[in-house]
Amino acid sequence: MNETKFDGMGKSYAKYRPTYPQAFISYLVSDVGITKAGIIADIGSGTGILTKQLLRACLVPSKVIAVEPNDDMRAVAEADLSGYENFTSINGTAENTTLASHSVDFISVAQAFHWFDRAAFKAECKRILKPNGKAILVWNSRVIGTRAVDDCDKINQKYCPNFRGFAGGMHITEEEHSCFSDFFIGGCEVKIFDNNMTFDLDGFIGRTLSASYALKEDDKNYSAYIAELVECFNRHATDGKMIVLNETRSYVGKV
């Protein structure tokens, strides 16, 4: 995992990245059973978007440990979540969390698994999970094949050399989730939740620029990139609002 990839982007990430739908959080409580557990490790927790939702969902005094290697992202989460008594922040990586062996009941990974060394992370999960513990992988993923999403895709392909597709290219259908067969033992439970995003112009530009692949102000084609994003917004917006179809995809299983 590249710990510096999101340097300087903490505040923008926290402001413009979407949360996860309440239906997903309710599923974690009712079906996965996170509130019955003592300890949840949120790995690659970033600015604490999912961490915060887990803390709010855990009505039973569960402990949520946020593990994040990027100093900027971690600082934003710590400032926002310091008021929660059951919140702990750790400077660690997915492959070396620094957590004690067999110490956590659940591991959550939101919008980050595609950055990890999969084999090393699996070994770390097996080390820190208690017996019968589970891992939860989740992505917010734009719905490919819709006009606004495809338009954005073309602009990013044109200008951003590091663009590999939205959500790190993790556009996985239920039938294709066998790509996780090297990670989960005995398969995983797949759930998909609607989580459409509505943007004004500032939100749309901000969300785009919060991506690791997005151009920076000092990049040669930055002005042209922004201009095309503004044109894209104007093409798809109605009354100053643009709806981008988005899904939350969840994969839960034993490691």
C-alpha atoms as a PDB file:
ATOM      1  CA  MET A   1       0.000   0.000   0.000  1.00  0.00           C
ATOM      2  CA  ASN A   2       1.352   3.443  -0.949  1.00  0.00           C
ATOM      3  CA  GLU A   3       1.071   5.472   2.269  1.00  0.00           C
ATOM      4  CA  THR A   4       1.658   8.804   0.487  1.00  0.00           C
ATOM      5  CA  LYS A   5      -0.882   8.428  -2.318  1.00  0.00           C
ATOM      6  CA  PHE A   6      -3.441  10.655  -0.554  1.00  0.00           C
ATOM      7  CA  ASP A   7      -1.034  13.162   0.990  1.00  0.00           C
ATOM      8  CA  GLY A   8      -2.662  16.575   1.376  1.00  0.00           C
ATOM      9  CA  MET A   9      -6.108  15.269   0.434  1.00  0.00           C
ATOM     10  CA  GLY A  10      -7.533  14.540   3.874  1.00  0.00           C
ATOM     11  CA  LYS A  11      -9.910  17.500   4.211  1.00  0.00           C
ATOM     12  CA  SER A  12     -11.086  17.216   0.597  1.00  0.00           C
ATOM     13  CA  TYR A  13     -11.624  13.466   0.955  1.00  0.00           C
ATOM     14  CA  ALA A  14     -13.653  13.905   4.133  1.00  0.00           C
ATOM     15  CA  LYS A  15     -15.767  16.673   2.591  1.00  0.00           C
ATOM     16  CA  TYR A  16     -16.567  15.174  -0.795  1.00  0.00           C
ATOM     17  CA  ARG A  17     -16.502  11.377  -0.445  1.00  0.00           C
ATOM     18  CA  PRO A  18     -19.911   9.716   0.072  1.00  0.00           C
ATOM     19  CA  THR A  19     -20.925   7.786   3.157  1.00  0.00           C
ATOM     20  CA  TYR A  20     -22.405   4.292   3.043  1.00  0.00           C
ATOM     21  CA  PRO A  21     -26.185   3.751   2.922  1.00  0.00           C
ATOM     22  CA  GLN A  22     -28.112   3.083   6.099  1.00  0.00           C
ATOM     23  CA  ALA A  23     -29.320  -0.196   4.583  1.00  0.00           C
ATOM     24  CA  PHE A  24     -25.720  -1.423   4.513  1.00  0.00           C
ATOM     25  CA  ILE A  25     -25.085  -0.347   8.115  1.00  0.00           C
ATOM     26  CA  SER A  26     -28.348  -2.008   9.207  1.00  0.00           C
ATOM     27  CA  TYR A  27     -27.264  -5.206   7.427  1.00  0.00           C
ATOM     28  CA  LEU A  28     -23.989  -5.188   9.354  1.00  0.00           C
ATOM     29  CA  VAL A  29     -25.949  -4.923  12.590  1.00  0.00           C
ATOM     30  CA  SER A  30     -28.815  -7.332  11.880  1.00  0.00           C
ATOM     31  CA  ASP A  31     -27.105  -9.988   9.737  1.00  0.00           C
ATOM     32  CA  VAL A  32     -23.357  -9.706  10.248  1.00  0.00           C
ATOM     33  CA  GLY A  33     -23.706  -8.887  13.953  1.00  0.00           C
ATOM     34  CA  ILE A  34     -21.136  -6.170  14.446  1.00  0.00           C
ATOM     35  CA  THR A  35     -22.736  -4.803  17.627  1.00  0.00           C
ATOM     36  CA  LYS A  36     -22.468  -8.218  19.278  1.00  0.00           C
ATOM     37  CA  ALA A  37     -18.699  -8.107  18.838  1.00  0.00           C
ATOM     38  CA  GLY A  38     -16.210  -6.537  21.160  1.00  0.00           C
ATOM     39  CA  ILE A  39     -13.698  -5.158  18.680  1.00  0.00           C
ATOM     40  CA  ILE A  40     -13.879  -4.020  15.044  1.00  0.00           C
ATOM     41  CA  ALA A  41     -10.734  -3.074  13.117  1.00  0.00           C
ATOM     42  CA  ASP A  42     -11.387  -0.659  10.246  1.00  0.00           C
ATOM     43  CA  ILE A  43      -8.313  -1.128   8.038  1.00  0.00           C
ATOM     44  CA  GLY A  44      -7.232   1.597   5.625  1.00  0.00           C
ATOM     45  CA  SER A  45      -9.754   3.778   7.423  1.00  0.00           C
ATOM     46  CA  GLY A  46      -8.745   7.043   5.744  1.00  0.00           C
ATOM     47  CA  THR A  47     -10.617  10.013   7.171  1.00  0.00           C
ATOM     48  CA  GLY A  48     -12.954   7.708   9.090  1.00  0.00           C
ATOM     49  CA  ILE A  49     -16.045   7.784   6.887  1.00  0.00           C
ATOM     50  CA  LEU A  50     -17.058   4.175   7.613  1.00  0.00           C
ATOM     51  CA  THR A  51     -15.405   4.275  11.040  1.00  0.00           C
ATOM     52  CA  LYS A  52     -17.828   6.987  12.129  1.00  0.00           C
ATOM     53  CA  GLN A  53     -20.845   5.057  10.872  1.00  0.00           C
ATOM     54  CA  LEU A  54     -19.652   1.950  12.718  1.00  0.00           C
ATOM     55  CA  LEU A  55     -19.179   3.940  15.915  1.00  0.00           C
ATOM     56  CA  ARG A  56     -22.707   5.315  15.642  1.00  0.00           C
ATOM     57  CA  ALA A  57     -24.144   1.874  14.877  1.00  0.00           C
ATOM     58  CA  CYS A  58     -22.457   0.152  17.804  1.00  0.00           C
ATOM     59  CA  LEU A  59     -25.041   0.805  20.502  1.00  0.00           C
ATOM     60  CA  VAL A  60     -23.462  -1.996  22.523  1.00  0.00           C
ATOM     61  CA  PRO A  61     -20.109  -0.676  23.852  1.00  0.00           C
ATOM     62  CA  SER A  62     -18.009  -2.104  21.069  1.00  0.00           C
ATOM     63  CA  LYS A  63     -14.534  -0.819  20.262  1.00  0.00           C
ATOM     64  CA  VAL A  64     -13.691   0.426  16.765  1.00  0.00           C
ATOM     65  CA  ILE A  65     -10.003   0.649  15.899  1.00  0.00           C
ATOM     66  CA  ALA A  66      -9.095   2.752  12.850  1.00  0.00           C
ATOM     67  CA  VAL A  67      -5.845   1.661  11.208  1.00  0.00           C
ATOM     68  CA  GLU A  68      -4.494   4.181   8.683  1.00  0.00           C
ATOM     69  CA  PRO A  69      -0.908   4.799   7.465  1.00  0.00           C
ATOM     70  CA  ASN A  70      -1.416   8.244   5.907  1.00  0.00           C
ATOM     71  CA  ASP A  71      -0.721  10.972   8.472  1.00  0.00           C
ATOM     72  CA  ASP A  72      -2.966  13.548   6.815  1.00  0.00           C
ATOM     73  CA  MET A  73      -5.972  11.248   6.492  1.00  0.00           C
ATOM     74  CA  ARG A  74      -5.516   9.859   9.992  1.00  0.00           C
ATOM     75  CA  ALA A  75      -5.309  13.343  11.532  1.00  0.00           C
ATOM     76  CA  VAL A  76      -8.657  14.310   9.981  1.00  0.00           C
ATOM     77  CA  ALA A  77     -10.297  11.190  11.434  1.00  0.00           C
ATOM     78  CA  GLU A  78      -8.780  11.766  14.861  1.00  0.00           C
ATOM     79  CA  ALA A  79     -10.014  15.358  14.965  1.00  0.00           C
ATOM     80  CA  ASP A  80     -13.525  14.312  13.939  1.00  0.00           C
ATOM     81  CA  LEU A  81     -13.896  11.177  16.070  1.00  0.00           C
ATOM     82  CA  SER A  82     -11.988  11.977  19.248  1.00  0.00           C
ATOM     83  CA  GLY A  83     -15.275  12.435  21.129  1.00  0.00           C
ATOM     84  CA  TYR A  84     -16.165   8.750  20.826  1.00  0.00           C
ATOM     85  CA  GLU A  85     -14.959   6.813  23.868  1.00  0.00           C
ATOM     86  CA  ASN A  86     -14.812   3.551  21.920  1.00  0.00           C
ATOM     87  CA  PHE A  87     -12.635   4.988  19.112  1.00  0.00           C
ATOM     88  CA  THR A  88      -8.934   4.180  18.797  1.00  0.00           C
ATOM     89  CA  SER A  89      -6.633   5.420  16.037  1.00  0.00           C
ATOM     90  CA  ILE A  90      -3.489   3.538  15.015  1.00  0.00           C
ATOM     91  CA  ASN A  91      -0.701   4.366  12.584  1.00  0.00           C
ATOM     92  CA  GLY A  92      -0.441   1.055  10.765  1.00  0.00           C
ATOM     93  CA  THR A  93      -0.771  -0.566   7.372  1.00  0.00           C
ATOM     94  CA  ALA A  94      -3.050  -3.291   6.079  1.00  0.00           C
ATOM     95  CA  GLU A  95      -0.100  -5.652   5.950  1.00  0.00           C
ATOM     96  CA  ASN A  96       1.234  -4.639   9.381  1.00  0.00           C
ATOM     97  CA  THR A  97      -1.569  -3.322  11.562  1.00  0.00           C
ATOM     98  CA  THR A  98       0.474  -3.597  14.809  1.00  0.00           C
ATOM     99  CA  LEU A  99      -2.624  -5.113  16.467  1.00  0.00           C
ATOM    100  CA  ALA A 100      -2.245  -8.099  18.790  1.00  0.00           C
ATOM    101  CA  SER A 101      -2.809 -11.593  17.443  1.00  0.00           C
ATOM    102  CA  HIS A 102      -6.408 -12.887  17.648  1.00  0.00           C
ATOM    103  CA  SER A 103      -7.615  -9.583  19.084  1.00  0.00           C
ATOM    104  CA  VAL A 104     -10.473  -8.446  16.799  1.00  0.00           C
ATOM    105  CA  ASP A 105     -13.892  -9.874  15.975  1.00  0.00           C
ATOM    106  CA  PHE A 106     -14.416  -8.146  12.619  1.00  0.00           C
ATOM    107  CA  ILE A 107     -12.259  -6.421  10.039  1.00  0.00           C
ATOM    108  CA  SER A 108     -13.812  -3.804   7.776  1.00  0.00           C
ATOM    109  CA  VAL A 109     -12.182  -2.383   4.663  1.00  0.00           C
ATOM    110  CA  ALA A 110     -13.961   0.500   2.936  1.00  0.00           C
ATOM    111  CA  GLN A 111     -12.809   1.689  -0.473  1.00  0.00           C
ATOM    112  CA  ALA A 112      -9.265   0.465   0.179  1.00  0.00           C
ATOM    113  CA  PHE A 113      -8.797  -3.264  -0.497  1.00  0.00           C
ATOM    114  CA  HIS A 114      -7.591  -2.616  -4.047  1.00  0.00           C
ATOM    115  CA  TRP A 115      -4.576  -0.752  -2.626  1.00  0.00           C
ATOM    116  CA  PHE A 116      -3.425  -3.663  -0.442  1.00  0.00           C
ATOM    117  CA  ASP A 117      -0.956  -6.477  -1.020  1.00  0.00           C
ATOM    118  CA  ARG A 118      -3.699  -9.098  -1.009  1.00  0.00           C
ATOM    119  CA  ALA A 119      -1.624 -12.074   0.147  1.00  0.00           C
ATOM    120  CA  ALA A 120       0.098 -10.105   2.914  1.00  0.00           C
ATOM    121  CA  PHE A 121      -3.179  -8.580   4.058  1.00  0.00           C
ATOM    122  CA  LYS A 122      -4.839 -11.989   4.189  1.00  0.00           C
ATOM    123  CA  ALA A 123      -2.017 -13.257   6.378  1.00  0.00           C
ATOM    124  CA  GLU A 124      -2.470 -10.241   8.666  1.00  0.00           C
ATOM    125  CA  CYS A 125      -6.240 -10.823   8.835  1.00  0.00           C
ATOM    126  CA  LYS A 126      -5.703 -14.444   9.836  1.00  0.00           C
ATOM    127  CA  ARG A 127      -3.279 -13.290  12.509  1.00  0.00           C
ATOM    128  CA  ILE A 128      -5.421 -10.594  14.146  1.00  0.00           C
ATOM    129  CA  LEU A 129      -8.908 -12.108  13.782  1.00  0.00           C
ATOM    130  CA  LYS A 130     -10.372 -14.164  16.596  1.00  0.00           C
ATOM    131  CA  PRO A 131     -11.679 -17.662  15.728  1.00  0.00           C
ATOM    132  CA  ASN A 132     -14.802 -17.347  13.545  1.00  0.00           C
ATOM    133  CA  GLY A 133     -14.044 -13.676  12.910  1.00  0.00           C
ATOM    134  CA  LYS A 134     -15.057 -12.179   9.562  1.00  0.00           C
ATOM    135  CA  ALA A 135     -13.797  -9.616   7.068  1.00  0.00           C
ATOM    136  CA  ILE A 136     -16.069  -7.034   5.454  1.00  0.00           C
ATOM    137  CA  LEU A 137     -14.973  -5.520   2.136  1.00  0.00           C
ATOM    138  CA  VAL A 138     -17.055  -2.659   0.781  1.00  0.00           C
ATOM    139  CA  TRP A 139     -16.918  -0.222  -2.131  1.00  0.00           C
ATOM    140  CA  ASN A 140     -18.976   2.686  -3.334  1.00  0.00           C
ATOM    141  CA  SER A 141     -18.953   2.067  -7.072  1.00  0.00           C
ATOM    142  CA  ARG A 142     -20.492   4.112  -9.870  1.00  0.00           C
ATOM    143  CA  VAL A 143     -22.919   2.240 -12.132  1.00  0.00           C
ATOM    144  CA  ILE A 144     -21.061   1.656 -15.381  1.00  0.00           C
ATOM    145  CA  GLY A 145     -23.091   2.043 -18.555  1.00  0.00           C
ATOM    146  CA  THR A 146     -25.039   5.086 -17.384  1.00  0.00           C
ATOM    147  CA  ARG A 147     -24.552   8.293 -19.389  1.00  0.00           C
ATOM    148  CA  ALA A 148     -23.137  10.539 -16.686  1.00  0.00           C
ATOM    149  CA  VAL A 149     -20.737   7.866 -15.402  1.00  0.00           C
ATOM    150  CA  ASP A 150     -19.529   6.973 -18.887  1.00  0.00           C
ATOM    151  CA  ASP A 151     -18.997  10.656 -19.663  1.00  0.00           C
ATOM    152  CA  CYS A 152     -16.869  11.069 -16.525  1.00  0.00           C
ATOM    153  CA  ASP A 153     -14.976   7.901 -17.385  1.00  0.00           C
ATOM    154  CA  LYS A 154     -13.985   9.264 -20.808  1.00  0.00           C
ATOM    155  CA  ILE A 155     -12.737  12.542 -19.325  1.00  0.00           C
ATOM    156  CA  ASN A 156     -10.607  10.755 -16.753  1.00  0.00           C
ATOM    157  CA  GLN A 157      -9.230   8.380 -19.372  1.00  0.00           C
ATOM    158  CA  LYS A 158      -8.308  11.365 -21.536  1.00  0.00           C
ATOM    159  CA  TYR A 159      -6.517  13.408 -18.877  1.00  0.00           C
ATOM    160  CA  CYS A 160      -5.460  11.158 -15.979  1.00  0.00           C
ATOM    161  CA  PRO A 161      -2.539   8.784 -16.656  1.00  0.00           C
ATOM    162  CA  ASN A 162      -3.180   6.898 -13.394  1.00  0.00           C
ATOM    163  CA  PHE A 163      -6.886   6.329 -13.999  1.00  0.00           C
ATOM    164  CA  ARG A 164      -7.688   2.597 -13.984  1.00  0.00           C
ATOM    165  CA  GLY A 165     -11.429   2.850 -13.578  1.00  0.00           C
ATOM    166  CA  PHE A 166     -13.656   4.035 -10.749  1.00  0.00           C
ATOM    167  CA  ALA A 167     -13.204   2.406  -7.314  1.00  0.00           C
ATOM    168  CA  GLY A 168      -9.808   1.147  -8.390  1.00  0.00           C
ATOM    169  CA  GLY A 169     -11.438  -0.809 -11.175  1.00  0.00           C
ATOM    170  CA  MET A 170     -13.419  -2.892  -8.676  1.00  0.00           C
ATOM    171  CA  HIS A 171     -16.634  -3.223 -10.647  1.00  0.00           C
ATOM    172  CA  ILE A 172     -17.571  -6.731  -9.604  1.00  0.00           C
ATOM    173  CA  THR A 173     -20.903  -8.337 -10.296  1.00  0.00           C
ATOM    174  CA  GLU A 174     -22.327 -10.983  -7.994  1.00  0.00           C
ATOM    175  CA  GLU A 175     -21.457 -13.634 -10.561  1.00  0.00           C
ATOM    176  CA  GLU A 176     -17.846 -12.432 -10.732  1.00  0.00           C
ATOM    177  CA  HIS A 177     -17.104 -12.352  -7.015  1.00  0.00           C
ATOM    178  CA  SER A 178     -15.084 -15.552  -7.417  1.00  0.00           C
ATOM    179  CA  CYS A 179     -12.143 -13.165  -7.885  1.00  0.00           C
ATOM    180  CA  PHE A 180     -12.095 -13.106  -4.077  1.00  0.00           C
ATOM    181  CA  SER A 181     -11.708 -16.896  -3.885  1.00  0.00           C
ATOM    182  CA  ASP A 182      -8.047 -16.441  -2.974  1.00  0.00           C
ATOM    183  CA  PHE A 183      -9.024 -14.259  -0.025  1.00  0.00           C
ATOM    184  CA  PHE A 184     -12.189 -15.647   1.567  1.00  0.00           C
ATOM    185  CA  ILE A 185     -12.496 -19.222   2.817  1.00  0.00           C
ATOM    186  CA  GLY A 186     -15.607 -20.948   1.503  1.00  0.00           C
ATOM    187  CA  GLY A 187     -16.845 -17.962  -0.459  1.00  0.00           C
ATOM    188  CA  CYS A 188     -18.448 -14.769   0.759  1.00  0.00           C
ATOM    189  CA  GLU A 189     -21.867 -13.201   1.115  1.00  0.00           C
ATOM    190  CA  VAL A 190     -22.460 -10.530  -1.504  1.00  0.00           C
ATOM    191  CA  LYS A 191     -24.853  -7.631  -0.961  1.00  0.00           C
ATOM    192  CA  ILE A 192     -25.554  -4.646  -3.222  1.00  0.00           C
ATOM    193  CA  PHE A 193     -27.235  -1.467  -1.997  1.00  0.00           C
ATOM    194  CA  ASP A 194     -28.364   1.604  -3.926  1.00  0.00           C
ATOM    195  CA  ASN A 195     -26.355   4.674  -2.946  1.00  0.00           C
ATOM    196  CA  ASN A 196     -26.899   7.269  -5.667  1.00  0.00           C
ATOM    197  CA  MET A 197     -25.015  10.544  -5.343  1.00  0.00           C
ATOM    198  CA  THR A 198     -26.480  14.007  -5.971  1.00  0.00           C
ATOM    199  CA  PHE A 199     -23.994  16.811  -6.641  1.00  0.00           C
ATOM    200  CA  ASP A 200     -24.001  20.523  -7.149  1.00  0.00           C
ATOM    201  CA  LEU A 201     -21.094  21.775  -9.271  1.00  0.00           C
ATOM    202  CA  ASP A 202     -18.740  22.236  -6.313  1.00  0.00           C
ATOM    203  CA  GLY A 203     -19.531  18.768  -5.017  1.00  0.00           C
ATOM    204  CA  PHE A 204     -19.029  17.143  -8.404  1.00  0.00           C
ATOM    205  CA  ILE A 205     -15.666  18.810  -8.987  1.00  0.00           C
ATOM    206  CA  GLY A 206     -14.601  18.189  -5.393  1.00  0.00           C
ATOM    207  CA  ARG A 207     -15.557  14.513  -5.509  1.00  0.00           C
ATOM    208  CA  THR A 208     -13.630  14.058  -8.753  1.00  0.00           C
ATOM    209  CA  LEU A 209     -10.521  15.792  -7.422  1.00  0.00           C
ATOM    210  CA  SER A 210     -10.585  13.673  -4.237  1.00  0.00           C
ATOM    211  CA  ALA A 211      -9.584  10.643  -6.323  1.00  0.00           C
ATOM    212  CA  SER A 212      -5.962   9.504  -6.222  1.00  0.00           C
ATOM    213  CA  TYR A 213      -5.754   9.585 -10.022  1.00  0.00           C
ATOM    214  CA  ALA A 214      -7.118  13.124 -10.438  1.00  0.00           C
ATOM    215  CA  LEU A 215      -4.876  15.853 -11.811  1.00  0.00           C
ATOM    216  CA  LYS A 216      -3.421  18.419  -9.409  1.00  0.00           C
ATOM    217  CA  GLU A 217      -3.415  22.207  -9.895  1.00  0.00           C
ATOM    218  CA  ASP A 218       0.209  22.218 -11.026  1.00  0.00           C
ATOM    219  CA  ASP A 219      -0.363  19.543 -13.696  1.00  0.00           C
ATOM    220  CA  LYS A 220      -0.082  20.710 -17.292  1.00  0.00           C
ATOM    221  CA  ASN A 221      -3.639  19.894 -18.371  1.00  0.00           C
ATOM    222  CA  TYR A 222      -5.394  20.770 -15.118  1.00  0.00           C
ATOM    223  CA  SER A 223      -7.348  23.749 -16.505  1.00  0.00           C
ATOM    224  CA  ALA A 224      -8.567  21.791 -19.523  1.00  0.00           C
ATOM    225  CA  TYR A 225      -9.493  18.884 -17.234  1.00  0.00           C
ATOM    226  CA  ILE A 226     -11.601  21.118 -14.991  1.00  0.00           C
ATOM    227  CA  ALA A 227     -13.225  22.785 -17.999  1.00  0.00           C
ATOM    228  CA  GLU A 228     -14.370  19.415 -19.382  1.00  0.00           C
ATOM    229  CA  LEU A 229     -15.662  18.367 -15.969  1.00  0.00           C
ATOM    230  CA  VAL A 230     -17.715  21.567 -15.798  1.00  0.00           C
ATOM    231  CA  GLU A 231     -19.092  20.858 -19.287  1.00  0.00           C
ATOM    232  CA  CYS A 232     -19.932  17.319 -18.164  1.00  0.00           C
ATOM    233  CA  PHE A 233     -21.814  18.648 -15.145  1.00  0.00           C
ATOM    234  CA  ASN A 234     -23.770  21.101 -17.289  1.00  0.00           C
ATOM    235  CA  ARG A 235     -24.746  18.325 -19.718  1.00  0.00           C
ATOM    236  CA  HIS A 236     -26.178  16.105 -17.015  1.00  0.00           C
ATOM    237  CA  ALA A 237     -27.447  18.522 -14.367  1.00  0.00           C
ATOM    238  CA  THR A 238     -31.038  19.586 -13.907  1.00  0.00           C
ATOM    239  CA  ASP A 239     -31.773  22.704 -11.859  1.00  0.00           C
ATOM    240  CA  GLY A 240     -28.172  22.786 -10.703  1.00  0.00           C
ATOM    241  CA  LYS A 241     -28.094  19.169  -9.495  1.00  0.00           C
ATOM    242  CA  MET A 242     -26.434  16.149 -11.102  1.00  0.00           C
ATOM    243  CA  ILE A 243     -27.381  12.605 -10.124  1.00  0.00           C
ATOM    244  CA  VAL A 244     -24.681   9.957 -10.477  1.00  0.00           C
ATOM    245  CA  LEU A 245     -25.926   6.387 -10.141  1.00  0.00           C
ATOM    246  CA  ASN A 246     -23.870   4.577  -7.524  1.00  0.00           C
ATOM    247  CA  GLU A 247     -23.980   1.237  -5.712  1.00  0.00           C
ATOM    248  CA  THR A 248     -22.467   0.052  -2.455  1.00  0.00           C
ATOM    249  CA  ARG A 249     -21.070  -3.467  -2.897  1.00  0.00           C
ATOM    250  CA  SER A 250     -20.342  -5.527   0.200  1.00  0.00           C
ATOM    251  CA  TYR A 251     -18.453  -8.840   0.533  1.00  0.00           C
ATOM    252  CA  VAL A 252     -18.426 -10.611   3.901  1.00  0.00           C
ATOM    253  CA  GLY A 253     -16.759 -13.874   4.822  1.00  0.00           C
ATOM    254  CA  LYS A 254     -14.128 -15.764   6.784  1.00  0.00           C
ATOM    255  CA  VAL A 255     -10.467 -15.465   5.901  1.00  0.00           C
END
